[in-house]
Amino acid sequence: MPKNFYITTPIYYPSAKPHMGHAYSSIIADFFARFKRIDGFDVNFLTGTDEHGLKIQRAAEKKGLETLKFCDEISKTFRDLSKTLNLTNTDFIRTTEDRHKNSVQNLWKELEKNDDIYLSKYSGWYSVSDEAFYTDDEIEEIDGKKLSKISKSPVEWMDEESYFFRLSKWEKPLLDYYEKNPEFISPKARRNEVISFVKGGLKDLSVSRKSFSWGIPVPSNNEHVIYVWLDALTNYISALNYPDMDNELLNKYWPANVHLIGKDILRFHAVYWPAFLLAANIPLPKKVYGHGWILSGEEKMSKSKGNILDPIEIIDQYGLDPLRYYLIKEVSFGNDGNISKDRLEDCINSDLANNYGNLCQRVTAFTIKNCEGKIPKDIEFNQDDLIILDKFKDNINLIRKKIDELDLNFYIEFIVNSLFEANKYFNDQEPWKKKGDIKRLNTIIFTTLEIVRKISFMLYPIIPQSSLNALKIFSINENQIDFSTIDNHNYLSKLDVINKIDILFKKIEKQND
């Protein structure tokens, strides 16, 4: 059976420059993509930008730019961010590309052909910021302004001719699908939220707009443009060359393994998107995961609130890998999390510099001094050695299972505990006192080096460049990282000379209050 894996980020709405929330989604998706690659999967990893809608049109007008030129400029900042974050995405989709427009218009025709789209009139509340429609129950008035209860974004009354998608028709099929596929929406709290929303009753969804022109034209009526979410969601299959059903990419990677999104766009991905797909007789993705927000104080970051935290500034000050590590370790996956420079500095000093970097430096220096800089060959494992080594062997399949469940918290906890145990093992075994027992000294060194190798392999999806720097000890390059080898306790026996490496992480001098 082929081992294919397809993961997507949300395609980002480039009405303003990227913030930490965008970086978080991308880094998490990159973690899973990297892990699956080192575990032998053929990975397709998609990100991109969603460039249509009234919000974009107004942002371009405000800047005095032609809309496509505005999109070209701001989309480039997201493409550049992918490089800055060291992402391994295999594609970057823009909804202004012809390949995407063709897919969207084809999907529209399929929905129309199946009598799931009809022309009527829309009257209701619309949020330009969210590009979303809201019911009266989802609106509140604060200081004389109508706002969405969910996003707190301002809404305005819209009254115009519109095409509608028969969303109400798919209420029962969706509930049946959720019941038969309990893993489709994660985490569990998000699943319950979606089911509650759908059980509350689905109304037909307005899927076109006539009051502005920046969008993909409705195939049968150029006076309308296609609703930005029907447009945007299609990116996940337009990047695979839909509607060419015989295309290799589509056959290989669809249905997607994971749509990784922020919880604020869960409804679009877990209700509207599967309904569109069901109506077009297209298989549904295997999982939609709605992660939490990266908060600034107690609030979600947004341009309108002026509380944007720039990931580039954090990277410039602390480095990319420390930021990647912090976001994966300190933000409990699935929940909201705060960025704190103080906690970031603690992570760098304690976890990265002391527990990981110092272990690599200590055992390397000790080996160079006591084993002529070579991997010791004359070894004999005792119970102490096997206990710490077998932890990896005994858990390799559990780790894979947890990754398939997107249990990122288990993965990072396993690494943190392994680092603690590795340092404790080296200290407790006291190889510096074993110079009269060369075989025991050799075994302690070999065991510790092997643990460094295993942990570095596991850290690669989290801190890729730093783990590669550590693996220079063994002259192991990126193409040689293979997760399946972490249960092999004699991997290093084929190698010879080890190399001295530079300091992996510089400790942060913390200011005393």
Protein backbone atom coordinates (compact mmCIF):
# COMPACT_ATOMS: atom_id res chain seq x y z
CA MET A 1 0.00 0.00 0.00
CA PRO A 2 1.49 3.39 -0.99
CA LYS A 3 2.48 5.65 1.88
CA ASN A 4 1.15 9.04 0.75
CA PHE A 5 0.41 11.98 3.03
CA TYR A 6 -1.29 15.25 2.12
CA ILE A 7 -1.41 18.12 4.64
CA THR A 8 -2.64 21.66 4.12
CA THR A 9 -2.51 24.93 6.02
CA PRO A 10 -5.36 27.37 5.64
CA ILE A 11 -4.65 29.58 2.67
CA TYR A 12 -3.96 32.92 4.24
CA TYR A 13 -5.97 36.05 3.56
CA PRO A 14 -3.33 38.62 2.56
CA SER A 15 -5.11 41.84 3.44
CA ALA A 16 -2.22 42.65 5.79
CA LYS A 17 1.24 41.30 6.57
CA PRO A 18 1.65 37.89 8.26
CA HIS A 19 1.46 37.59 12.05
CA MET A 20 2.32 34.91 14.60
CA GLY A 21 -0.94 33.03 14.04
CA HIS A 22 -0.01 32.46 10.41
CA ALA A 23 3.48 31.34 11.45
CA TYR A 24 2.02 28.91 14.00
CA SER A 25 -0.26 27.11 11.54
CA SER A 26 2.59 26.82 9.04
CA ILE A 27 5.16 25.56 11.55
CA ILE A 28 2.78 22.90 12.90
CA ALA A 29 1.95 21.72 9.38
CA ASP A 30 5.66 21.64 8.55
CA PHE A 31 6.31 19.51 11.63
CA PHE A 32 3.86 16.83 10.47
CA ALA A 33 5.14 17.01 6.88
CA ARG A 34 8.75 16.55 8.00
CA PHE A 35 7.89 13.71 10.37
CA LYS A 36 5.97 11.82 7.70
CA ARG A 37 8.86 12.23 5.25
CA ILE A 38 11.43 10.80 7.65
CA ASP A 39 8.98 7.95 8.30
CA GLY A 40 8.98 6.97 4.64
CA PHE A 41 5.90 8.81 3.33
CA ASP A 42 5.56 10.62 0.02
CA VAL A 43 4.38 14.01 1.31
CA ASN A 44 2.43 16.77 -0.37
CA PHE A 45 2.34 19.91 1.77
CA LEU A 46 0.23 22.84 0.56
CA THR A 47 0.02 26.45 1.68
CA GLY A 48 -0.90 29.64 -0.13
CA THR A 49 -3.00 32.79 -0.25
CA ASP A 50 -6.72 33.48 -0.64
CA GLU A 51 -6.86 36.66 -2.72
CA HIS A 52 -10.47 37.43 -3.62
CA GLY A 53 -13.34 39.18 -1.84
CA LEU A 54 -14.52 42.61 -0.80
CA LYS A 55 -11.96 42.88 2.02
CA ILE A 56 -9.08 42.54 -0.45
CA GLN A 57 -10.71 44.91 -2.93
CA ARG A 58 -11.15 47.58 -0.24
CA ALA A 59 -7.60 47.10 1.09
CA ALA A 60 -6.21 47.61 -2.44
CA GLU A 61 -8.36 50.70 -2.98
CA LYS A 62 -7.15 52.14 0.33
CA LYS A 63 -3.56 51.74 -0.86
CA GLY A 64 -4.38 53.18 -4.27
CA LEU A 65 -3.24 50.02 -6.03
CA GLU A 66 -4.76 47.91 -8.80
CA THR A 67 -6.16 44.88 -6.96
CA LEU A 68 -4.03 42.18 -8.60
CA LYS A 69 -0.87 44.24 -8.09
CA PHE A 70 -1.80 44.61 -4.41
CA CYS A 71 -2.28 40.83 -4.20
CA ASP A 72 1.04 40.17 -5.96
CA GLU A 73 2.87 42.28 -3.38
CA ILE A 74 1.18 41.00 -0.24
CA SER A 75 1.12 37.36 -1.41
CA LYS A 76 4.88 37.59 -1.86
CA THR A 77 5.24 38.39 1.87
CA PHE A 78 3.52 35.08 2.69
CA ARG A 79 5.66 33.20 0.17
CA ASP A 80 8.74 34.83 1.72
CA LEU A 81 7.51 33.84 5.19
CA SER A 82 7.46 30.21 4.05
CA LYS A 83 11.19 30.49 3.32
CA THR A 84 11.89 32.38 6.53
CA LEU A 85 10.13 29.65 8.56
CA ASN A 86 12.13 26.97 6.68
CA LEU A 87 8.92 25.28 5.51
CA THR A 88 9.07 22.23 3.27
CA ASN A 89 5.83 22.99 1.42
CA THR A 90 5.68 21.34 -2.00
CA ASP A 91 3.25 23.88 -3.45
CA PHE A 92 2.04 27.43 -2.89
CA ILE A 93 -1.41 28.10 -4.31
CA ARG A 94 -2.84 31.53 -5.15
CA THR A 95 -6.55 31.85 -5.81
CA THR A 96 -5.80 34.33 -8.61
CA GLU A 97 -4.06 31.59 -10.64
CA ASP A 98 -5.78 30.18 -13.73
CA ARG A 99 -5.48 26.58 -12.44
CA HIS A 100 -7.52 27.59 -9.41
CA LYS A 101 -10.13 29.60 -11.30
CA ASN A 102 -10.75 26.66 -13.64
CA SER A 103 -11.26 24.31 -10.66
CA VAL A 104 -13.65 26.65 -8.87
CA GLN A 105 -15.78 27.23 -11.94
CA ASN A 106 -15.89 23.49 -12.61
CA LEU A 107 -17.00 22.77 -9.04
CA TRP A 108 -19.69 25.43 -9.43
CA LYS A 109 -20.95 23.75 -12.60
CA GLU A 110 -21.09 20.38 -10.80
CA LEU A 111 -23.13 21.86 -7.96
CA GLU A 112 -25.41 23.61 -10.44
CA LYS A 113 -25.81 20.44 -12.53
CA ASN A 114 -26.84 18.51 -9.40
CA ASP A 115 -29.44 21.17 -8.58
CA ASP A 116 -27.61 22.27 -5.44
CA ILE A 117 -27.40 25.93 -6.55
CA TYR A 118 -30.32 28.27 -7.27
CA LEU A 119 -30.85 32.03 -7.80
CA SER A 120 -32.72 34.03 -5.16
CA LYS A 121 -32.23 37.12 -2.98
CA TYR A 122 -29.99 37.54 0.07
CA SER A 123 -30.93 39.77 2.96
CA GLY A 124 -28.85 39.58 6.11
CA TRP A 125 -25.73 40.46 8.05
CA TYR A 126 -22.34 40.21 6.36
CA SER A 127 -18.87 40.69 7.83
CA VAL A 128 -16.40 42.06 5.31
CA SER A 129 -13.54 41.28 7.70
CA ASP A 130 -14.55 37.61 8.07
CA GLU A 131 -16.07 37.32 4.56
CA ALA A 132 -18.86 35.50 6.40
CA PHE A 133 -22.65 35.63 6.72
CA TYR A 134 -24.24 35.72 10.16
CA THR A 135 -27.78 35.18 11.47
CA ASP A 136 -29.56 37.54 13.86
CA ASP A 137 -28.71 35.18 16.72
CA GLU A 138 -25.02 35.51 15.94
CA ILE A 139 -25.05 39.34 16.09
CA GLU A 140 -24.72 41.62 19.10
CA GLU A 141 -24.75 45.39 19.47
CA ILE A 142 -21.93 47.10 21.39
CA ASP A 143 -21.65 50.90 21.59
CA GLY A 144 -24.18 51.24 18.80
CA LYS A 145 -22.24 48.92 16.45
CA LYS A 146 -23.43 45.57 15.15
CA LEU A 147 -20.76 42.92 15.69
CA SER A 148 -20.37 39.19 15.15
CA LYS A 149 -20.51 37.42 18.52
CA ILE A 150 -17.92 34.92 17.29
CA SER A 151 -15.22 37.18 15.84
CA LYS A 152 -16.27 40.60 17.22
CA SER A 153 -15.92 41.92 13.66
CA PRO A 154 -18.33 44.62 12.44
CA VAL A 155 -21.19 43.46 10.22
CA GLU A 156 -23.25 45.33 7.65
CA TRP A 157 -26.68 44.65 6.23
CA MET A 158 -26.64 43.21 2.71
CA ASP A 159 -29.68 43.07 0.45
CA GLU A 160 -28.99 41.80 -3.06
CA GLU A 161 -29.63 39.10 -5.65
CA SER A 162 -27.57 36.00 -4.89
CA TYR A 163 -27.07 32.39 -5.82
CA PHE A 164 -27.66 29.98 -2.95
CA PHE A 165 -26.21 26.56 -2.16
CA ARG A 166 -28.75 24.09 -0.74
CA LEU A 167 -26.86 23.67 2.51
CA SER A 168 -30.06 22.67 4.35
CA LYS A 169 -30.31 19.58 2.15
CA TRP A 170 -27.03 18.28 3.58
CA GLU A 171 -27.85 18.65 7.28
CA LYS A 172 -28.67 14.98 7.87
CA PRO A 173 -25.93 13.58 5.56
CA LEU A 174 -23.38 15.70 7.44
CA LEU A 175 -24.58 14.52 10.86
CA ASP A 176 -24.52 10.92 9.62
CA TYR A 177 -20.98 11.43 8.34
CA TYR A 178 -19.78 12.92 11.65
CA GLU A 179 -21.26 9.94 13.50
CA LYS A 180 -19.69 7.34 11.20
CA ASN A 181 -16.34 9.19 11.12
CA PRO A 182 -15.72 10.42 14.68
CA GLU A 183 -12.11 11.37 13.84
CA PHE A 184 -13.15 13.69 10.99
CA ILE A 185 -13.16 16.78 13.23
CA SER A 186 -10.55 17.27 15.97
CA PRO A 187 -10.03 18.01 18.77
CA LYS A 188 -13.16 16.60 20.40
CA ALA A 189 -14.38 19.98 21.68
CA ARG A 190 -14.39 21.33 18.11
CA ARG A 191 -16.30 18.27 16.91
CA ASN A 192 -18.96 18.82 19.56
CA GLU A 193 -19.18 22.48 18.57
CA VAL A 194 -19.74 21.64 14.90
CA ILE A 195 -22.33 18.94 15.63
CA SER A 196 -24.21 21.36 17.89
CA PHE A 197 -24.20 24.00 15.15
CA VAL A 198 -25.47 21.60 12.48
CA LYS A 199 -28.15 20.14 14.79
CA GLY A 200 -29.35 23.70 15.32
CA GLY A 201 -30.47 23.68 11.70
CA LEU A 202 -28.69 24.63 8.48
CA LYS A 203 -30.01 27.35 6.22
CA ASP A 204 -29.16 27.62 2.54
CA LEU A 205 -25.92 29.53 2.01
CA SER A 206 -25.47 32.59 -0.20
CA VAL A 207 -22.62 31.67 -2.55
CA SER A 208 -22.33 34.67 -4.87
CA ARG A 209 -22.03 38.43 -4.62
CA LYS A 210 -23.17 41.10 -7.06
CA SER A 211 -22.09 44.27 -5.24
CA PHE A 212 -18.38 43.96 -6.07
CA SER A 213 -16.34 42.45 -8.87
CA TRP A 214 -13.10 41.16 -7.35
CA GLY A 215 -13.62 37.42 -7.55
CA ILE A 216 -14.12 34.48 -9.89
CA PRO A 217 -17.14 35.06 -12.15
CA VAL A 218 -20.11 32.70 -11.87
CA PRO A 219 -19.83 30.62 -15.10
CA SER A 220 -23.40 31.23 -16.22
CA ASN A 221 -23.77 34.82 -15.01
CA ASN A 222 -20.90 37.32 -15.19
CA GLU A 223 -22.82 39.81 -13.04
CA HIS A 224 -22.01 37.64 -10.01
CA VAL A 225 -18.72 36.58 -8.46
CA ILE A 226 -18.40 33.35 -6.48
CA TYR A 227 -18.52 33.66 -2.69
CA VAL A 228 -14.97 33.87 -1.42
CA TRP A 229 -15.21 30.77 0.79
CA LEU A 230 -16.52 28.51 -1.98
CA ASP A 231 -13.63 29.90 -4.00
CA ALA A 232 -11.00 29.58 -1.25
CA LEU A 233 -11.85 26.09 0.01
CA THR A 234 -11.49 24.66 -3.49
CA ASN A 235 -7.73 25.37 -3.31
CA TYR A 236 -7.20 22.02 -1.62
CA ILE A 237 -8.21 20.21 -4.82
CA SER A 238 -7.27 22.86 -7.40
CA ALA A 239 -3.64 22.36 -6.30
CA LEU A 240 -4.10 18.69 -7.29
CA ASN A 241 -5.39 19.62 -10.76
CA TYR A 242 -9.10 19.02 -10.14
CA PRO A 243 -11.28 18.48 -12.22
CA ASP A 244 -8.89 16.15 -14.07
CA MET A 245 -10.00 13.01 -12.22
CA ASP A 246 -7.32 10.93 -13.95
CA ASN A 247 -4.53 13.27 -12.82
CA GLU A 248 -1.70 11.62 -10.89
CA LEU A 249 -1.64 14.26 -8.13
CA LEU A 250 -5.37 14.01 -7.46
CA ASN A 251 -5.34 10.23 -7.42
CA LYS A 252 -2.26 10.09 -5.25
CA TYR A 253 -3.09 12.63 -2.56
CA TRP A 254 -6.85 13.11 -2.38
CA PRO A 255 -8.56 12.79 0.02
CA ALA A 256 -6.26 14.96 2.13
CA ASN A 257 -5.02 13.46 5.39
CA VAL A 258 -5.26 16.72 7.34
CA HIS A 259 -6.65 20.20 6.83
CA LEU A 260 -4.88 22.13 9.60
CA ILE A 261 -6.78 25.34 10.41
CA GLY A 262 -7.42 27.90 13.13
CA LYS A 263 -10.55 27.31 15.18
CA ASP A 264 -12.15 30.54 13.89
CA ILE A 265 -12.61 29.05 10.40
CA LEU A 266 -13.86 25.66 11.60
CA ARG A 267 -17.41 26.10 10.32
CA PHE A 268 -16.23 26.73 6.77
CA HIS A 269 -14.03 23.62 6.77
CA ALA A 270 -16.18 21.22 8.78
CA VAL A 271 -19.65 22.20 7.50
CA TYR A 272 -19.55 24.11 4.20
CA TRP A 273 -16.57 22.32 2.61
CA PRO A 274 -17.78 18.74 3.23
CA ALA A 275 -21.27 19.77 2.07
CA PHE A 276 -19.85 21.14 -1.21
CA LEU A 277 -17.85 17.95 -1.69
CA LEU A 278 -20.78 15.65 -0.92
CA ALA A 279 -22.92 17.60 -3.40
CA ALA A 280 -20.23 17.23 -6.08
CA ASN A 281 -19.64 13.51 -5.33
CA ILE A 282 -16.03 14.14 -4.30
CA PRO A 283 -14.53 12.18 -1.35
CA LEU A 284 -14.18 14.15 1.89
CA PRO A 285 -10.82 14.88 3.56
CA LYS A 286 -9.88 12.48 6.35
CA LYS A 287 -9.47 15.08 9.09
CA VAL A 288 -10.09 18.74 9.85
CA TYR A 289 -8.09 19.91 12.88
CA GLY A 290 -9.01 23.27 14.40
CA HIS A 291 -6.10 24.44 16.55
CA GLY A 292 -6.22 27.29 19.06
CA TRP A 293 -5.20 30.90 18.65
CA ILE A 294 -1.87 32.49 19.43
CA LEU A 295 -2.98 35.26 21.75
CA SER A 296 -1.61 38.71 22.38
CA GLY A 297 -2.49 39.18 26.02
CA GLU A 298 -5.93 37.55 26.22
CA GLU A 299 -7.03 38.39 22.68
CA LYS A 300 -6.58 36.88 19.24
CA MET A 301 -4.15 38.89 17.13
CA SER A 302 -5.74 40.99 14.42
CA LYS A 303 -4.89 44.05 12.37
CA SER A 304 -8.02 45.86 13.55
CA LYS A 305 -6.99 45.47 17.21
CA GLY A 306 -3.42 46.59 16.51
CA ASN A 307 -1.97 43.74 18.57
CA ILE A 308 -0.01 41.97 15.84
CA LEU A 309 3.14 40.15 16.97
CA ASP A 310 5.59 39.94 14.08
CA PRO A 311 7.26 36.50 13.82
CA ILE A 312 10.12 38.02 11.83
CA GLU A 313 11.08 40.25 14.75
CA ILE A 314 11.14 37.25 17.13
CA ILE A 315 13.23 35.23 14.65
CA ASP A 316 15.67 38.13 14.18
CA GLN A 317 16.14 38.37 17.94
CA TYR A 318 16.15 34.72 19.00
CA GLY A 319 16.51 32.58 15.86
CA LEU A 320 14.04 30.43 13.95
CA ASP A 321 14.52 27.06 15.65
CA PRO A 322 13.96 28.43 19.17
CA LEU A 323 10.68 29.96 17.97
CA ARG A 324 9.62 26.69 16.31
CA TYR A 325 10.49 24.74 19.46
CA TYR A 326 8.68 27.20 21.73
CA LEU A 327 5.46 27.18 19.69
CA ILE A 328 5.40 23.38 19.56
CA LYS A 329 6.32 22.78 23.21
CA GLU A 330 4.74 25.67 25.09
CA VAL A 331 1.45 25.98 23.18
CA SER A 332 -0.61 22.91 24.07
CA PHE A 333 -1.74 21.76 20.63
CA GLY A 334 -5.47 22.30 20.18
CA ASN A 335 -5.65 25.06 22.81
CA ASP A 336 -4.97 28.79 22.79
CA GLY A 337 -1.48 29.89 23.73
CA ASN A 338 0.43 33.06 24.55
CA ILE A 339 3.79 34.21 23.28
CA SER A 340 5.96 35.28 26.20
CA LYS A 341 9.53 36.39 25.60
CA ASP A 342 10.37 35.42 29.16
CA ARG A 343 9.14 31.84 28.64
CA LEU A 344 10.83 31.71 25.24
CA GLU A 345 14.14 32.63 26.87
CA ASP A 346 13.56 29.95 29.54
CA CYS A 347 12.98 27.40 26.76
CA ILE A 348 16.20 28.39 25.02
CA ASN A 349 18.26 28.27 28.21
CA SER A 350 16.78 25.20 29.88
CA ASP A 351 15.62 22.86 27.12
CA LEU A 352 17.77 23.80 24.15
CA ALA A 353 21.05 25.09 25.57
CA ASN A 354 21.28 23.01 28.78
CA ASN A 355 19.42 19.78 28.13
CA TYR A 356 20.12 19.28 24.42
CA GLY A 357 23.05 21.44 23.38
CA ASN A 358 25.10 20.79 26.49
CA LEU A 359 24.53 17.01 26.26
CA CYS A 360 25.79 17.02 22.66
CA GLN A 361 28.85 19.07 23.62
CA ARG A 362 29.71 17.02 26.72
CA VAL A 363 29.57 13.58 25.18
CA THR A 364 31.37 14.72 22.02
CA ALA A 365 34.20 16.34 23.98
CA PHE A 366 34.45 13.29 26.27
CA THR A 367 34.60 10.91 23.29
CA ILE A 368 37.28 12.94 21.54
CA LYS A 369 39.35 12.97 24.71
CA ASN A 370 38.90 9.35 25.80
CA CYS A 371 38.18 7.35 22.62
CA GLU A 372 40.50 9.01 20.12
CA GLY A 373 37.47 10.78 18.62
CA LYS A 374 35.95 7.54 17.34
CA ILE A 375 32.73 5.66 17.94
CA PRO A 376 33.72 2.98 20.48
CA LYS A 377 33.41 -0.54 19.10
CA ASP A 378 34.18 -2.76 22.09
CA ILE A 379 30.90 -2.46 24.01
CA GLU A 380 28.55 -4.60 26.08
CA PHE A 381 25.11 -3.27 27.09
CA ASN A 382 23.95 -3.85 30.65
CA GLN A 383 20.46 -3.34 32.10
CA ASP A 384 20.96 0.41 32.71
CA ASP A 385 21.89 0.95 29.06
CA LEU A 386 19.04 -1.13 27.68
CA ILE A 387 16.42 0.55 29.85
CA ILE A 388 17.14 3.94 28.33
CA LEU A 389 17.72 2.63 24.80
CA ASP A 390 14.67 0.38 24.75
CA LYS A 391 12.41 3.30 25.59
CA PHE A 392 12.74 4.30 21.93
CA LYS A 393 12.38 0.75 20.63
CA ASP A 394 9.32 0.02 22.78
CA ASN A 395 7.56 3.26 21.83
CA ILE A 396 8.26 3.58 18.10
CA ASN A 397 4.82 2.35 17.03
CA LEU A 398 3.07 4.30 19.78
CA ILE A 399 4.80 7.46 18.55
CA ARG A 400 3.55 6.77 15.01
CA LYS A 401 0.02 6.23 16.36
CA LYS A 402 0.14 9.47 18.31
CA ILE A 403 1.35 11.34 15.22
CA ASP A 404 -1.56 9.90 13.21
CA GLU A 405 -3.85 11.18 15.96
CA LEU A 406 -2.06 14.56 15.71
CA ASP A 407 -1.07 14.23 19.38
CA LEU A 408 1.79 16.65 19.15
CA ASN A 409 1.82 17.13 22.91
CA PHE A 410 2.75 13.45 23.46
CA TYR A 411 5.60 13.73 20.93
CA ILE A 412 7.27 16.76 22.49
CA GLU A 413 6.80 15.40 26.03
CA PHE A 414 8.51 12.18 24.95
CA ILE A 415 11.50 14.17 23.69
CA VAL A 416 11.72 16.42 26.77
CA ASN A 417 11.60 13.39 29.08
CA SER A 418 14.16 11.55 26.94
CA LEU A 419 16.56 14.49 27.16
CA PHE A 420 16.18 14.63 30.94
CA GLU A 421 16.81 10.88 31.20
CA ALA A 422 19.80 11.06 28.83
CA ASN A 423 21.50 13.74 30.92
CA LYS A 424 20.71 11.83 34.11
CA TYR A 425 22.07 8.60 32.59
CA PHE A 426 25.38 10.24 31.61
CA ASN A 427 25.76 11.85 35.03
CA ASP A 428 24.76 8.74 36.99
CA GLN A 429 27.01 6.39 34.99
CA GLU A 430 30.04 8.65 35.60
CA PRO A 431 32.15 7.49 32.66
CA TRP A 432 35.03 9.67 33.91
CA LYS A 433 35.38 7.20 36.80
CA LYS A 434 35.48 4.15 34.50
CA LYS A 435 38.89 4.63 32.91
CA GLY A 436 39.99 1.36 34.50
CA ASP A 437 37.15 -0.48 32.78
CA ILE A 438 37.44 0.44 29.13
CA LYS A 439 34.54 -1.75 27.96
CA ARG A 440 32.18 -0.07 30.45
CA LEU A 441 33.46 3.40 29.56
CA ASN A 442 33.03 2.60 25.86
CA THR A 443 29.49 1.33 26.41
CA ILE A 444 28.41 4.44 28.34
CA ILE A 445 29.81 6.69 25.62
CA PHE A 446 28.27 4.62 22.83
CA THR A 447 24.88 4.53 24.58
CA THR A 448 24.87 8.30 25.14
CA LEU A 449 25.94 8.99 21.55
CA GLU A 450 23.21 6.68 20.30
CA ILE A 451 20.62 8.52 22.41
CA VAL A 452 21.86 11.85 21.01
CA ARG A 453 21.40 10.41 17.53
CA LYS A 454 17.87 9.14 18.26
CA ILE A 455 16.75 12.38 19.91
CA SER A 456 18.25 14.46 17.10
CA PHE A 457 16.28 12.41 14.56
CA MET A 458 13.11 13.06 16.55
CA LEU A 459 13.91 16.76 16.95
CA TYR A 460 14.46 17.21 13.22
CA PRO A 461 10.78 17.97 12.42
CA ILE A 462 10.75 20.57 15.23
CA ILE A 463 14.16 22.26 14.96
CA PRO A 464 15.48 21.06 11.59
CA GLN A 465 18.60 23.18 11.25
CA SER A 466 19.77 22.74 14.84
CA SER A 467 19.26 18.98 14.75
CA LEU A 468 21.25 18.81 11.50
CA ASN A 469 24.01 20.81 13.19
CA ALA A 470 24.01 18.23 16.01
CA LEU A 471 24.07 15.33 13.56
CA LYS A 472 27.31 16.69 12.11
CA ILE A 473 28.86 14.88 15.10
CA PHE A 474 28.21 11.66 13.15
CA SER A 475 28.49 13.08 9.60
CA ILE A 476 24.79 12.27 9.14
CA ASN A 477 23.06 14.42 6.53
CA GLU A 478 19.39 15.25 6.03
CA ASN A 479 18.74 12.44 3.54
CA GLN A 480 19.94 9.86 6.08
CA ILE A 481 17.40 10.78 8.77
CA ASP A 482 15.05 7.81 9.01
CA PHE A 483 12.61 7.56 11.90
CA SER A 484 12.43 3.76 11.62
CA THR A 485 16.07 3.57 12.77
CA ILE A 486 15.42 4.95 16.25
CA ASP A 487 14.81 1.38 17.45
CA ASN A 488 18.24 0.32 16.12
CA HIS A 489 20.73 0.47 19.00
CA ASN A 490 23.73 -0.34 16.77
CA TYR A 491 23.17 2.28 14.07
CA LEU A 492 26.41 4.07 14.93
CA SER A 493 28.56 0.94 14.88
CA LYS A 494 29.07 1.40 11.13
CA LEU A 495 30.46 4.86 11.63
CA ASP A 496 33.92 5.85 12.65
CA VAL A 497 35.27 9.30 13.47
CA ILE A 498 33.05 11.79 15.26
CA ASN A 499 33.30 15.53 14.76
CA LYS A 500 33.52 18.40 17.17
CA ILE A 501 30.58 20.79 16.69
CA ASP A 502 29.96 24.44 17.46
CA ILE A 503 27.70 25.49 20.32
CA LEU A 504 24.14 24.71 19.20
CA PHE A 505 22.33 27.34 21.27
CA LYS A 506 23.72 30.38 23.02
CA LYS A 507 22.23 31.00 26.44
CA ILE A 508 20.23 34.19 26.86
CA GLU A 509 21.50 36.55 29.52
CA LYS A 510 18.28 37.36 31.36
CA GLN A 511 17.77 40.80 32.84
CA ASN A 512 17.10 40.83 36.58
CA ASP A 513 14.05 42.86 37.54
